[in-house]
C-alpha atoms as a PDB file:
ATOM      1  CA  UNK A   1      -0.104  -0.156   0.189  1.00  0.00           C
ATOM      2  CA  UNK A   2       0.963   3.195  -1.511  1.00  0.00           C
ATOM      3  CA  UNK A   3       2.213   6.214   1.610  1.00  0.00           C
ATOM      4  CA  UNK A   4      -0.346   8.790  -0.274  1.00  0.00           C
ATOM      5  CA  UNK A   5      -2.795   5.975  -0.387  1.00  0.00           C
ATOM      6  CA  UNK A   6      -2.606   6.062   3.401  1.00  0.00           C
ATOM      7  CA  UNK A   7      -3.082   9.439   3.857  1.00  0.00           C
ATOM      8  CA  UNK A   8      -5.790   9.481   1.830  1.00  0.00           C
ATOM      9  CA  UNK A   9      -7.415   6.476   3.841  1.00  0.00           C
ATOM     10  CA  UNK A  10      -6.861   8.268   6.917  1.00  0.00           C
ATOM     11  CA  UNK A  11      -8.811  11.663   5.817  1.00  0.00           C
ATOM     12  CA  UNK A  12     -11.651   9.525   4.718  1.00  0.00           C
ATOM     13  CA  UNK A  13     -10.862  10.853   0.701  1.00  0.00           C
ATOM     14  CA  UNK A  14     -10.298   6.903  -0.866  1.00  0.00           C
ATOM     15  CA  UNK A  15     -11.842   3.834   0.097  1.00  0.00           C
ATOM     16  CA  UNK A  16     -10.027   1.737   2.683  1.00  0.00           C
ATOM     17  CA  UNK A  17      -8.550  -1.589   0.675  1.00  0.00           C
ATOM     18  CA  UNK A  18     -10.798  -4.626   0.796  1.00  0.00           C
ATOM     19  CA  UNK A  19      -8.214  -7.102   1.450  1.00  0.00           C
ATOM     20  CA  UNK A  20      -6.496  -5.195   4.484  1.00  0.00           C
ATOM     21  CA  UNK A  21      -6.842  -6.611   7.632  1.00  0.00           C
ATOM     22  CA  UNK A  22     -10.504  -5.470   9.756  1.00  0.00           C
ATOM     23  CA  UNK A  23      -8.970  -6.385  13.357  1.00  0.00           C
ATOM     24  CA  UNK A  24      -9.484  -4.682  16.155  1.00  0.00           C
ATOM     25  CA  UNK A  25      -6.280  -3.365  16.704  1.00  0.00           C
ATOM     26  CA  UNK A  26      -6.121  -2.173  13.459  1.00  0.00           C
ATOM     27  CA  UNK A  27      -8.893   0.226  13.470  1.00  0.00           C
ATOM     28  CA  UNK A  28      -7.244   1.902  16.658  1.00  0.00           C
ATOM     29  CA  UNK A  29      -4.365   2.374  15.090  1.00  0.00           C
ATOM     30  CA  UNK A  30      -5.742   3.808  12.547  1.00  0.00           C
ATOM     31  CA  UNK A  31      -7.522   5.838  14.480  1.00  0.00           C
ATOM     32  CA  UNK A  32      -4.785   6.973  16.592  1.00  0.00           C
ATOM     33  CA  UNK A  33      -2.911   7.730  13.312  1.00  0.00           C
ATOM     34  CA  UNK A  34      -6.161   9.780  11.914  1.00  0.00           C
ATOM     35  CA  UNK A  35      -5.655  12.094  15.139  1.00  0.00           C
ATOM     36  CA  UNK A  36      -1.538  12.495  15.053  1.00  0.00           C
ATOM     37  CA  UNK A  37      -2.186  13.549  11.312  1.00  0.00           C
ATOM     38  CA  UNK A  38      -5.187  16.392  11.765  1.00  0.00           C
ATOM     39  CA  UNK A  39      -3.015  17.555  15.115  1.00  0.00           C
ATOM     40  CA  UNK A  40       0.403  17.804  12.615  1.00  0.00           C
ATOM     41  CA  UNK A  41      -2.084  19.680  10.353  1.00  0.00           C
ATOM     42  CA  UNK A  42      -3.200  21.980  12.617  1.00  0.00           C
ATOM     43  CA  UNK A  43       0.651  22.517  14.322  1.00  0.00           C
ATOM     44  CA  UNK A  44       1.518  23.406  10.822  1.00  0.00           C
ATOM     45  CA  UNK A  45      -1.266  25.624  10.064  1.00  0.00           C
ATOM     46  CA  UNK A  46      -0.790  27.852  13.218  1.00  0.00           C
ATOM     47  CA  UNK A  47       3.133  27.833  12.728  1.00  0.00           C
ATOM     48  CA  UNK A  48       2.197  29.230   9.101  1.00  0.00           C
ATOM     49  CA  UNK A  49       0.053  31.766  10.564  1.00  0.00           C
ATOM     50  CA  UNK A  50       2.723  32.808  13.709  1.00  0.00           C
ATOM     51  CA  UNK A  51       5.655  33.481  11.565  1.00  0.00           C
ATOM     52  CA  UNK A  52       4.117  34.082   8.221  1.00  0.00           C
ATOM     53  CA  UNK A  53       0.717  35.836   8.667  1.00  0.00           C
ATOM     54  CA  UNK A  54       0.906  37.712  11.362  1.00  0.00           C
ATOM     55  CA  UNK A  55       3.839  39.586  10.655  1.00  0.00           C
ATOM     56  CA  UNK A  56       2.685  40.671   7.568  1.00  0.00           C
ATOM     57  CA  UNK A  57      -0.190  41.625   9.249  1.00  0.00           C
ATOM     58  CA  UNK A  58       1.791  43.919  11.482  1.00  0.00           C
ATOM     59  CA  UNK A  59       3.196  45.667   8.977  1.00  0.00           C
END
């Protein structure tokens, strides 16, 4: 499974692989990965705002 395909599945952009395992632990792992990915994207937005957008607005 490719990297971008996994990202698409975490963000609900793509259908899940029908041949993938359906264990409970896999569901928990994917849920935790989804949470960490959302936190990472949120932090990138905060960093972008603090170091790029905010200084431009203060001029």
